[in-house]
Amino acid sequence: SAPGFADALQAALGVRIHTGPRPAPHPPHARSHLLPAAAA
C-alpha cells in the first residue's frame, strides 16, 4: 500500500489495521459446490 494508507484507513473506520503478507490458503471443510454449466 502507499505510505499513509493504514493511517488513513484507521482514521476512516476507527478500527485496528493489520498489515502483512497474504496467509497460505486452506480449503474449507464444507465445499461451496459451485459448478459452471460448461464444466458440468
PDB file of all heavy atoms in Angstrom:
ATOM      1  N   SER A   1       0.841  -1.187   0.000  1.00  0.00           N
ATOM      2  CA  SER A   1       0.000   0.000   0.000  1.00  0.00           C
ATOM      3  C   SER A   1       0.881   1.244   0.000  1.00  0.00           C
ATOM      4  O   SER A   1       2.076   1.188   0.304  1.00  0.00           O
ATOM      5  CB  SER A   1      -0.909   0.007   1.237  1.00  0.00           C
ATOM      6  OG  SER A   1      -0.139   0.001   2.431  1.00  0.00           O
ATOM      7  N   ALA A   2       0.272   2.357  -0.347  1.00  0.00           N
ATOM      8  CA  ALA A   2       1.001   3.632  -0.373  1.00  0.00           C
ATOM      9  C   ALA A   2       1.301   4.079   1.058  1.00  0.00           C
ATOM     10  O   ALA A   2       0.581   3.721   1.996  1.00  0.00           O
ATOM     11  CB  ALA A   2       0.169   4.689  -1.090  1.00  0.00           C
ATOM     12  N   PRO A   3       2.347   4.866   1.245  1.00  0.00           N
ATOM     13  CA  PRO A   3       2.641   5.402   2.577  1.00  0.00           C
ATOM     14  C   PRO A   3       1.436   6.162   3.132  1.00  0.00           C
ATOM     15  O   PRO A   3       0.807   6.953   2.426  1.00  0.00           O
ATOM     16  CB  PRO A   3       3.830   6.333   2.339  1.00  0.00           C
ATOM     17  CG  PRO A   3       4.486   5.797   1.097  1.00  0.00           C
ATOM     18  CD  PRO A   3       3.358   5.278   0.243  1.00  0.00           C
ATOM     19  N   GLY A   4       1.105   5.893   4.365  1.00  0.00           N
ATOM     20  CA  GLY A   4      -0.006   6.586   4.995  1.00  0.00           C
ATOM     21  C   GLY A   4      -1.358   5.930   4.811  1.00  0.00           C
ATOM     22  O   GLY A   4      -2.352   6.378   5.405  1.00  0.00           O
ATOM     23  N   PHE A   5      -1.434   4.856   3.995  1.00  0.00           N
ATOM     24  CA  PHE A   5      -2.741   4.226   3.754  1.00  0.00           C
ATOM     25  C   PHE A   5      -3.321   3.641   5.032  1.00  0.00           C
ATOM     26  O   PHE A   5      -4.513   3.826   5.326  1.00  0.00           O
ATOM     27  CB  PHE A   5      -2.634   3.131   2.692  1.00  0.00           C
ATOM     28  CG  PHE A   5      -3.862   2.260   2.614  1.00  0.00           C
ATOM     29  CD1 PHE A   5      -5.022   2.745   2.032  1.00  0.00           C
ATOM     30  CD2 PHE A   5      -3.875   0.973   3.147  1.00  0.00           C
ATOM     31  CE1 PHE A   5      -6.174   1.966   1.976  1.00  0.00           C
ATOM     32  CE2 PHE A   5      -5.010   0.190   3.088  1.00  0.00           C
ATOM     33  CZ  PHE A   5      -6.164   0.682   2.502  1.00  0.00           C
ATOM     34  N   ALA A   6      -2.517   2.907   5.789  1.00  0.00           N
ATOM     35  CA  ALA A   6      -3.021   2.266   7.010  1.00  0.00           C
ATOM     36  C   ALA A   6      -3.568   3.316   7.974  1.00  0.00           C
ATOM     37  O   ALA A   6      -4.632   3.124   8.588  1.00  0.00           O
ATOM     38  CB  ALA A   6      -1.920   1.434   7.667  1.00  0.00           C
ATOM     39  N   ASP A   7      -2.882   4.433   8.104  1.00  0.00           N
ATOM     40  CA  ASP A   7      -3.356   5.503   8.988  1.00  0.00           C
ATOM     41  C   ASP A   7      -4.654   6.115   8.457  1.00  0.00           C
ATOM     42  O   ASP A   7      -5.578   6.411   9.225  1.00  0.00           O
ATOM     43  CB  ASP A   7      -2.288   6.593   9.125  1.00  0.00           C
ATOM     44  CG  ASP A   7      -1.076   6.129   9.915  1.00  0.00           C
ATOM     45  OD1 ASP A   7      -1.204   5.149  10.689  1.00  0.00           O
ATOM     46  OD2 ASP A   7       0.009   6.730   9.763  1.00  0.00           O
ATOM     47  N   ALA A   8      -4.728   6.305   7.128  1.00  0.00           N
ATOM     48  CA  ALA A   8      -5.943   6.877   6.532  1.00  0.00           C
ATOM     49  C   ALA A   8      -7.132   5.937   6.717  1.00  0.00           C
ATOM     50  O   ALA A   8      -8.253   6.377   7.014  1.00  0.00           O
ATOM     51  CB  ALA A   8      -5.710   7.155   5.045  1.00  0.00           C
ATOM     52  N   LEU A   9      -6.890   4.634   6.570  1.00  0.00           N
ATOM     53  CA  LEU A   9      -7.973   3.667   6.735  1.00  0.00           C
ATOM     54  C   LEU A   9      -8.402   3.576   8.197  1.00  0.00           C
ATOM     55  O   LEU A   9      -9.596   3.491   8.492  1.00  0.00           O
ATOM     56  CB  LEU A   9      -7.519   2.292   6.225  1.00  0.00           C
ATOM     57  CG  LEU A   9      -8.598   1.215   6.127  1.00  0.00           C
ATOM     58  CD1 LEU A   9      -9.710   1.651   5.177  1.00  0.00           C
ATOM     59  CD2 LEU A   9      -8.007  -0.111   5.660  1.00  0.00           C
ATOM     60  N   GLN A  10      -7.439   3.635   9.100  1.00  0.00           N
ATOM     61  CA  GLN A  10      -7.765   3.603  10.522  1.00  0.00           C
ATOM     62  C   GLN A  10      -8.591   4.826  10.914  1.00  0.00           C
ATOM     63  O   GLN A  10      -9.566   4.722  11.680  1.00  0.00           O
ATOM     64  CB  GLN A  10      -6.469   3.533  11.344  1.00  0.00           C
ATOM     65  CG  GLN A  10      -6.657   3.087  12.792  1.00  0.00           C
ATOM     66  CD  GLN A  10      -7.137   4.203  13.693  1.00  0.00           C
ATOM     67  OE1 GLN A  10      -6.831   5.367  13.454  1.00  0.00           O
ATOM     68  NE2 GLN A  10      -7.878   3.864  14.737  1.00  0.00           N
ATOM     69  N   ALA A  11      -8.224   5.970  10.364  1.00  0.00           N
ATOM     70  CA  ALA A  11      -8.968   7.198  10.661  1.00  0.00           C
ATOM     71  C   ALA A  11     -10.386   7.136  10.079  1.00  0.00           C
ATOM     72  O   ALA A  11     -11.336   7.632  10.685  1.00  0.00           O
ATOM     73  CB  ALA A  11      -8.218   8.404  10.106  1.00  0.00           C
ATOM     74  N   ALA A  12     -10.517   6.516   8.899  1.00  0.00           N
ATOM     75  CA  ALA A  12     -11.821   6.443   8.236  1.00  0.00           C
ATOM     76  C   ALA A  12     -12.761   5.459   8.928  1.00  0.00           C
ATOM     77  O   ALA A  12     -13.975   5.689   8.975  1.00  0.00           O
ATOM     78  CB  ALA A  12     -11.643   6.050   6.772  1.00  0.00           C
ATOM     79  N   LEU A  13     -12.196   4.362   9.462  1.00  0.00           N
ATOM     80  CA  LEU A  13     -13.028   3.296  10.019  1.00  0.00           C
ATOM     81  C   LEU A  13     -13.031   3.247  11.543  1.00  0.00           C
ATOM     82  O   LEU A  13     -13.952   2.699  12.145  1.00  0.00           O
ATOM     83  CB  LEU A  13     -12.563   1.939   9.481  1.00  0.00           C
ATOM     84  CG  LEU A  13     -12.573   1.757   7.963  1.00  0.00           C
ATOM     85  CD1 LEU A  13     -12.067   0.371   7.605  1.00  0.00           C
ATOM     86  CD2 LEU A  13     -13.963   1.983   7.392  1.00  0.00           C
ATOM     87  N   GLY A  14     -11.961   3.739  12.148  1.00  0.00           N
ATOM     88  CA  GLY A  14     -11.875   3.678  13.601  1.00  0.00           C
ATOM     89  C   GLY A  14     -11.651   2.287  14.147  1.00  0.00           C
ATOM     90  O   GLY A  14     -12.089   1.976  15.264  1.00  0.00           O
ATOM     91  N   VAL A  15     -10.985   1.425  13.371  1.00  0.00           N
ATOM     92  CA  VAL A  15     -10.696   0.058  13.812  1.00  0.00           C
ATOM     93  C   VAL A  15      -9.205  -0.222  13.637  1.00  0.00           C
ATOM     94  O   VAL A  15      -8.482   0.537  12.997  1.00  0.00           O
ATOM     95  CB  VAL A  15     -11.521  -0.979  13.017  1.00  0.00           C
ATOM     96  CG1 VAL A  15     -13.013  -0.713  13.160  1.00  0.00           C
ATOM     97  CG2 VAL A  15     -11.127  -0.974  11.534  1.00  0.00           C
ATOM     98  N   ARG A  16      -8.763  -1.356  14.187  1.00  0.00           N
ATOM     99  CA  ARG A  16      -7.368  -1.740  14.052  1.00  0.00           C
ATOM    100  C   ARG A  16      -7.078  -2.148  12.607  1.00  0.00           C
ATOM    101  O   ARG A  16      -7.895  -2.813  11.959  1.00  0.00           O
ATOM    102  CB  ARG A  16      -7.034  -2.919  14.975  1.00  0.00           C
ATOM    103  CG  ARG A  16      -7.263  -2.626  16.445  1.00  0.00           C
ATOM    104  CD  ARG A  16      -6.769  -3.791  17.320  1.00  0.00           C
ATOM    105  NE  ARG A  16      -7.307  -5.076  16.885  1.00  0.00           N
ATOM    106  CZ  ARG A  16      -8.485  -5.552  17.267  1.00  0.00           C
ATOM    107  NH1 ARG A  16      -9.264  -4.839  18.076  1.00  0.00           N
ATOM    108  NH2 ARG A  16      -8.895  -6.728  16.865  1.00  0.00           N
ATOM    109  N   ILE A  17      -5.902  -1.783  12.113  1.00  0.00           N
ATOM    110  CA  ILE A  17      -5.462  -2.164  10.772  1.00  0.00           C
ATOM    111  C   ILE A  17      -4.200  -3.019  10.932  1.00  0.00           C
ATOM    112  O   ILE A  17      -3.223  -2.587  11.535  1.00  0.00           O
ATOM    113  CB  ILE A  17      -5.148  -0.937   9.892  1.00  0.00           C
ATOM    114  CG1 ILE A  17      -6.323   0.057   9.914  1.00  0.00           C
ATOM    115  CG2 ILE A  17      -4.820  -1.376   8.478  1.00  0.00           C
ATOM    116  CD1 ILE A  17      -7.627  -0.481   9.373  1.00  0.00           C
ATOM    117  N   HIS A  18      -4.246  -4.229  10.397  1.00  0.00           N
ATOM    118  CA  HIS A  18      -3.107  -5.142  10.465  1.00  0.00           C
ATOM    119  C   HIS A  18      -2.546  -5.326   9.054  1.00  0.00           C
ATOM    120  O   HIS A  18      -3.300  -5.627   8.121  1.00  0.00           O
ATOM    121  CB  HIS A  18      -3.521  -6.500  11.025  1.00  0.00           C
ATOM    122  CG  HIS A  18      -4.157  -6.436  12.380  1.00  0.00           C
ATOM    123  ND1 HIS A  18      -3.456  -6.092  13.501  1.00  0.00           N
ATOM    124  CD2 HIS A  18      -5.437  -6.668  12.775  1.00  0.00           C
ATOM    125  CE1 HIS A  18      -4.262  -6.115  14.551  1.00  0.00           C
ATOM    126  NE2 HIS A  18      -5.467  -6.460  14.132  1.00  0.00           N
ATOM    127  N   THR A  19      -1.258  -5.148   8.886  1.00  0.00           N
ATOM    128  CA  THR A  19      -0.631  -5.335   7.583  1.00  0.00           C
ATOM    129  C   THR A  19       0.328  -6.518   7.642  1.00  0.00           C
ATOM    130  O   THR A  19       0.934  -6.788   8.682  1.00  0.00           O
ATOM    131  CB  THR A  19       0.128  -4.077   7.153  1.00  0.00           C
ATOM    132  OG1 THR A  19       1.144  -3.785   8.121  1.00  0.00           O
ATOM    133  CG2 THR A  19      -0.812  -2.886   7.040  1.00  0.00           C
ATOM    134  N   GLY A  20       0.458  -7.214   6.528  1.00  0.00           N
ATOM    135  CA  GLY A  20       1.357  -8.356   6.476  1.00  0.00           C
ATOM    136  C   GLY A  20       1.164  -9.116   5.185  1.00  0.00           C
ATOM    137  O   GLY A  20       0.322  -8.757   4.345  1.00  0.00           O
ATOM    138  N   PRO A  21       1.925 -10.187   4.976  1.00  0.00           N
ATOM    139  CA  PRO A  21       1.777 -10.976   3.753  1.00  0.00           C
ATOM    140  C   PRO A  21       0.476 -11.775   3.745  1.00  0.00           C
ATOM    141  O   PRO A  21      -0.080 -12.070   4.814  1.00  0.00           O
ATOM    142  CB  PRO A  21       2.993 -11.920   3.798  1.00  0.00           C
ATOM    143  CG  PRO A  21       3.309 -12.042   5.259  1.00  0.00           C
ATOM    144  CD  PRO A  21       2.988 -10.707   5.853  1.00  0.00           C
ATOM    145  N   ARG A  22       0.009 -12.087   2.576  1.00  0.00           N
ATOM    146  CA  ARG A  22      -1.183 -12.929   2.435  1.00  0.00           C
ATOM    147  C   ARG A  22      -0.896 -14.303   3.035  1.00  0.00           C
ATOM    148  O   ARG A  22       0.118 -14.920   2.717  1.00  0.00           O
ATOM    149  CB  ARG A  22      -1.543 -13.060   0.962  1.00  0.00           C
ATOM    150  CG  ARG A  22      -2.859 -13.776   0.687  1.00  0.00           C
ATOM    151  CD  ARG A  22      -2.967 -14.145  -0.780  1.00  0.00           C
ATOM    152  NE  ARG A  22      -1.991 -15.175  -1.135  1.00  0.00           N
ATOM    153  CZ  ARG A  22      -1.728 -15.567  -2.379  1.00  0.00           C
ATOM    154  NH1 ARG A  22      -2.334 -15.009  -3.391  1.00  0.00           N
ATOM    155  NH2 ARG A  22      -0.839 -16.506  -2.613  1.00  0.00           N
ATOM    156  N   PRO A  23      -1.751 -14.808   3.901  1.00  0.00           N
ATOM    157  CA  PRO A  23      -1.505 -16.127   4.500  1.00  0.00           C
ATOM    158  C   PRO A  23      -1.677 -17.249   3.478  1.00  0.00           C
ATOM    159  O   PRO A  23      -2.289 -17.062   2.417  1.00  0.00           O
ATOM    160  CB  PRO A  23      -2.559 -16.215   5.606  1.00  0.00           C
ATOM    161  CG  PRO A  23      -3.630 -15.267   5.184  1.00  0.00           C
ATOM    162  CD  PRO A  23      -2.966 -14.163   4.421  1.00  0.00           C
ATOM    163  N   ALA A  24      -1.141 -18.402   3.811  1.00  0.00           N
ATOM    164  CA  ALA A  24      -1.302 -19.568   2.944  1.00  0.00           C
ATOM    165  C   ALA A  24      -2.779 -19.965   2.892  1.00  0.00           C
ATOM    166  O   ALA A  24      -3.497 -19.855   3.891  1.00  0.00           O
ATOM    167  CB  ALA A  24      -0.464 -20.730   3.461  1.00  0.00           C
ATOM    168  N   PRO A  25      -3.241 -20.408   1.740  1.00  0.00           N
ATOM    169  CA  PRO A  25      -4.651 -20.800   1.620  1.00  0.00           C
ATOM    170  C   PRO A  25      -4.912 -22.147   2.283  1.00  0.00           C
ATOM    171  O   PRO A  25      -4.009 -22.981   2.415  1.00  0.00           O
ATOM    172  CB  PRO A  25      -4.851 -20.887   0.103  1.00  0.00           C
ATOM    173  CG  PRO A  25      -3.493 -21.288  -0.414  1.00  0.00           C
ATOM    174  CD  PRO A  25      -2.506 -20.579   0.465  1.00  0.00           C
ATOM    175  N   HIS A  26      -6.141 -22.327   2.690  1.00  0.00           N
ATOM    176  CA  HIS A  26      -6.561 -23.615   3.245  1.00  0.00           C
ATOM    177  C   HIS A  26      -8.020 -23.829   2.874  1.00  0.00           C
ATOM    178  O   HIS A  26      -8.894 -23.100   3.363  1.00  0.00           O
ATOM    179  CB  HIS A  26      -6.393 -23.649   4.756  1.00  0.00           C
ATOM    180  CG  HIS A  26      -6.627 -25.004   5.340  1.00  0.00           C
ATOM    181  ND1 HIS A  26      -5.676 -26.005   5.331  1.00  0.00           N
ATOM    182  CD2 HIS A  26      -7.726 -25.547   5.927  1.00  0.00           C
ATOM    183  CE1 HIS A  26      -6.152 -27.081   5.898  1.00  0.00           C
ATOM    184  NE2 HIS A  26      -7.405 -26.835   6.262  1.00  0.00           N
ATOM    185  N   PRO A  27      -8.318 -24.793   2.003  1.00  0.00           N
ATOM    186  CA  PRO A  27      -9.706 -25.004   1.579  1.00  0.00           C
ATOM    187  C   PRO A  27     -10.606 -25.317   2.760  1.00  0.00           C
ATOM    188  O   PRO A  27     -10.213 -26.038   3.681  1.00  0.00           O
ATOM    189  CB  PRO A  27      -9.604 -26.202   0.621  1.00  0.00           C
ATOM    190  CG  PRO A  27      -8.188 -26.184   0.142  1.00  0.00           C
ATOM    191  CD  PRO A  27      -7.384 -25.695   1.308  1.00  0.00           C
ATOM    192  N   PRO A  28     -11.821 -24.786   2.770  1.00  0.00           N
ATOM    193  CA  PRO A  28     -12.752 -25.059   3.876  1.00  0.00           C
ATOM    194  C   PRO A  28     -13.223 -26.505   3.853  1.00  0.00           C
ATOM    195  O   PRO A  28     -13.214 -27.172   2.814  1.00  0.00           O
ATOM    196  CB  PRO A  28     -13.904 -24.094   3.600  1.00  0.00           C
ATOM    197  CG  PRO A  28     -13.848 -23.868   2.114  1.00  0.00           C
ATOM    198  CD  PRO A  28     -12.402 -23.912   1.750  1.00  0.00           C
ATOM    199  N   HIS A  29     -13.630 -26.987   5.026  1.00  0.00           N
ATOM    200  CA  HIS A  29     -14.131 -28.369   5.108  1.00  0.00           C
ATOM    201  C   HIS A  29     -15.438 -28.523   4.326  1.00  0.00           C
ATOM    202  O   HIS A  29     -15.661 -29.532   3.661  1.00  0.00           O
ATOM    203  CB  HIS A  29     -14.331 -28.766   6.572  1.00  0.00           C
ATOM    204  CG  HIS A  29     -13.061 -28.826   7.360  1.00  0.00           C
ATOM    205  ND1 HIS A  29     -12.050 -29.735   7.085  1.00  0.00           N
ATOM    206  CD2 HIS A  29     -12.626 -28.094   8.401  1.00  0.00           C
ATOM    207  CE1 HIS A  29     -11.053 -29.561   7.928  1.00  0.00           C
ATOM    208  NE2 HIS A  29     -11.369 -28.565   8.732  1.00  0.00           N
ATOM    209  N   ALA A  30     -16.303 -27.529   4.435  1.00  0.00           N
ATOM    210  CA  ALA A  30     -17.575 -27.562   3.705  1.00  0.00           C
ATOM    211  C   ALA A  30     -17.385 -26.865   2.366  1.00  0.00           C
ATOM    212  O   ALA A  30     -17.122 -25.667   2.313  1.00  0.00           O
ATOM    213  CB  ALA A  30     -18.662 -26.872   4.516  1.00  0.00           C
ATOM    214  N   ARG A  31     -17.489 -27.612   1.297  1.00  0.00           N
ATOM    215  CA  ARG A  31     -17.281 -27.056  -0.035  1.00  0.00           C
ATOM    216  C   ARG A  31     -18.474 -26.215  -0.479  1.00  0.00           C
ATOM    217  O   ARG A  31     -19.600 -26.412  -0.029  1.00  0.00           O
ATOM    218  CB  ARG A  31     -17.023 -28.187  -1.044  1.00  0.00           C
ATOM    219  CG  ARG A  31     -15.768 -28.998  -0.740  1.00  0.00           C
ATOM    220  CD  ARG A  31     -14.524 -28.142  -0.886  1.00  0.00           C
ATOM    221  NE  ARG A  31     -13.317 -28.829  -0.490  1.00  0.00           N
ATOM    222  CZ  ARG A  31     -12.597 -29.615  -1.295  1.00  0.00           C
ATOM    223  NH1 ARG A  31     -12.989 -29.812  -2.540  1.00  0.00           N
ATOM    224  NH2 ARG A  31     -11.505 -30.186  -0.857  1.00  0.00           N
ATOM    225  N   SER A  32     -18.222 -25.320  -1.420  1.00  0.00           N
ATOM    226  CA  SER A  32     -19.272 -24.431  -1.900  1.00  0.00           C
ATOM    227  C   SER A  32     -20.203 -25.117  -2.896  1.00  0.00           C
ATOM    228  O   SER A  32     -21.330 -24.684  -3.094  1.00  0.00           O
ATOM    229  CB  SER A  32     -18.652 -23.203  -2.570  1.00  0.00           C
ATOM    230  OG  SER A  32     -17.986 -23.581  -3.768  1.00  0.00           O
ATOM    231  N   HIS A  33     -19.710 -26.155  -3.570  1.00  0.00           N
ATOM    232  CA  HIS A  33     -20.472 -26.902  -4.589  1.00  0.00           C
ATOM    233  C   HIS A  33     -20.777 -26.071  -5.831  1.00  0.00           C
ATOM    234  O   HIS A  33     -21.665 -26.427  -6.617  1.00  0.00           O
ATOM    235  CB  HIS A  33     -21.769 -27.470  -4.009  1.00  0.00           C
ATOM    236  CG  HIS A  33     -21.550 -28.406  -2.857  1.00  0.00           C
ATOM    237  ND1 HIS A  33     -20.879 -29.601  -3.000  1.00  0.00           N
ATOM    238  CD2 HIS A  33     -21.878 -28.302  -1.543  1.00  0.00           C
ATOM    239  CE1 HIS A  33     -20.818 -30.212  -1.818  1.00  0.00           C
ATOM    240  NE2 HIS A  33     -21.405 -29.444  -0.923  1.00  0.00           N
ATOM    241  N   LEU A  34     -20.065 -24.963  -6.030  1.00  0.00           N
ATOM    242  CA  LEU A  34     -20.225 -24.220  -7.273  1.00  0.00           C
ATOM    243  C   LEU A  34     -19.729 -25.069  -8.437  1.00  0.00           C
ATOM    244  O   LEU A  34     -18.710 -25.765  -8.335  1.00  0.00           O
ATOM    245  CB  LEU A  34     -19.439 -22.915  -7.219  1.00  0.00           C
ATOM    246  CG  LEU A  34     -19.998 -21.815  -6.308  1.00  0.00           C
ATOM    247  CD1 LEU A  34     -19.011 -20.659  -6.207  1.00  0.00           C
ATOM    248  CD2 LEU A  34     -21.347 -21.315  -6.818  1.00  0.00           C
ATOM    249  N   LEU A  35     -20.433 -25.000  -9.553  1.00  0.00           N
ATOM    250  CA  LEU A  35     -20.047 -25.769 -10.734  1.00  0.00           C
ATOM    251  C   LEU A  35     -20.549 -25.049 -11.979  1.00  0.00           C
ATOM    252  O   LEU A  35     -21.755 -24.997 -12.231  1.00  0.00           O
ATOM    253  CB  LEU A  35     -20.646 -27.185 -10.681  1.00  0.00           C
ATOM    254  CG  LEU A  35     -20.320 -28.103 -11.854  1.00  0.00           C
ATOM    255  CD1 LEU A  35     -18.821 -28.385 -11.945  1.00  0.00           C
ATOM    256  CD2 LEU A  35     -21.100 -29.409 -11.752  1.00  0.00           C
ATOM    257  N   PRO A  36     -19.635 -24.463 -12.776  1.00  0.00           N
ATOM    258  CA  PRO A  36     -20.071 -23.819 -14.018  1.00  0.00           C
ATOM    259  C   PRO A  36     -20.792 -24.814 -14.923  1.00  0.00           C
ATOM    260  O   PRO A  36     -20.439 -26.000 -14.978  1.00  0.00           O
ATOM    261  CB  PRO A  36     -18.751 -23.346 -14.646  1.00  0.00           C
ATOM    262  CG  PRO A  36     -17.796 -23.239 -13.500  1.00  0.00           C
ATOM    263  CD  PRO A  36     -18.183 -24.329 -12.564  1.00  0.00           C
ATOM    264  N   ALA A  37     -21.798 -24.330 -15.640  1.00  0.00           N
ATOM    265  CA  ALA A  37     -22.566 -25.206 -16.522  1.00  0.00           C
ATOM    266  C   ALA A  37     -21.664 -25.868 -17.567  1.00  0.00           C
ATOM    267  O   ALA A  37     -21.857 -27.033 -17.916  1.00  0.00           O
ATOM    268  CB  ALA A  37     -23.677 -24.414 -17.207  1.00  0.00           C
ATOM    269  N   ALA A  38     -20.657 -25.129 -18.071  1.00  0.00           N
ATOM    270  CA  ALA A  38     -19.750 -25.700 -19.062  1.00  0.00           C
ATOM    271  C   ALA A  38     -18.956 -26.867 -18.479  1.00  0.00           C
ATOM    272  O   ALA A  38     -18.708 -27.873 -19.160  1.00  0.00           O
ATOM    273  CB  ALA A  38     -18.796 -24.626 -19.578  1.00  0.00           C
ATOM    274  N   ALA A  39     -18.562 -26.755 -17.213  1.00  0.00           N
ATOM    275  CA  ALA A  39     -17.839 -27.848 -16.557  1.00  0.00           C
ATOM    276  C   ALA A  39     -18.748 -29.050 -16.359  1.00  0.00           C
ATOM    277  O   ALA A  39     -18.329 -30.208 -16.528  1.00  0.00           O
ATOM    278  CB  ALA A  39     -17.274 -27.383 -15.225  1.00  0.00           C
ATOM    279  N   ALA A  40     -20.002 -28.796 -16.009  1.00  0.00           N
ATOM    280  CA  ALA A  40     -20.960 -29.888 -15.849  1.00  0.00           C
ATOM    281  C   ALA A  40     -21.174 -30.618 -17.172  1.00  0.00           C
ATOM    282  O   ALA A  40     -21.268 -31.859 -17.209  1.00  0.00           O
ATOM    283  CB  ALA A  40     -22.280 -29.341 -15.322  1.00  0.00           C
TER     284      ALA A  40
END
